[in-house]
Amino acid sequence: MNDRLLIIGAGGHGKVVADIAMKMNIWDKIAFLDDDESIKTCMAIDVIGKSEDALKYKDDSDLFVAIGNNFTREKIQENLQTIGASIATLIHPSAILGTDVMINKGTAIMAGVVINCSSRIGKGCIINTAASLDHDCVIEDYAHLSPGVRLSGTVNIGKSTWLGIGSIVGNNIGIAFDCIIGAGAVVIKDITESGTYVGVPARMISQRDPKQWRDCP
């Protein structure tokens, strides 16, 4: 661990990430990297360069990718890991973690999150404000659980999948790679095909091509 944390991305997600980092009280210095040259500071924290500058800071700083888009976050974090950068993991002090919970590098656990025992959280995930995960859940790499998501026990969320605010997943259910689950949707059976799902119970409204680069809405 280094004395300085560099956060890549000075947008809204970056602000929340910086707030967590400050409350963790681990790093003496925190700064941002952002490709928008018009942004000089964020939350009174300096923006000291662009994302590409991470290379020159990798030996003296921990790095965190604060990009909301799952695919962009994955691309940047995987590139940083390839060059041997130290990737931070951020956990808000108010989060409650059960026994035998494992959280991998580059993941952000926001305020009010509850993760119950024996759950596994992959690389580069976002577990957003007040989300709740019961026992034995598996969240694969670069997934995003929005604020207020509720997962029952033994739920598996596939890589790069995005669960909208307030969505609910029942017990012993799996959701495939690269899905979008709409706000307030209720998933009551396995989702095996990548796509966008909405409603109560959740139903597919469009298929998604896992090879296509896209933004999550």
Foldseek 3Di string as FASTA:
>chain_A
DAQEEEEEDQDPLSLQQVVLVVQVVRHPAYAYADPPPVDQDHPNHGHDYHLVCCVVCQVHYEYAYRDLFLVVRVVSVVVCVVSPGHFAETEHPQEAEEACEEADGREYHGHQEYAYPNEYHEHNEYNEANEYHYEHEYEYASEYEYAQEYEYYQEYEERSEYEEHNEYEYYNEYEYHQAYEYHHEYDDHHHHFHAYWYDDPTDGPGGDDPVDDDGDD
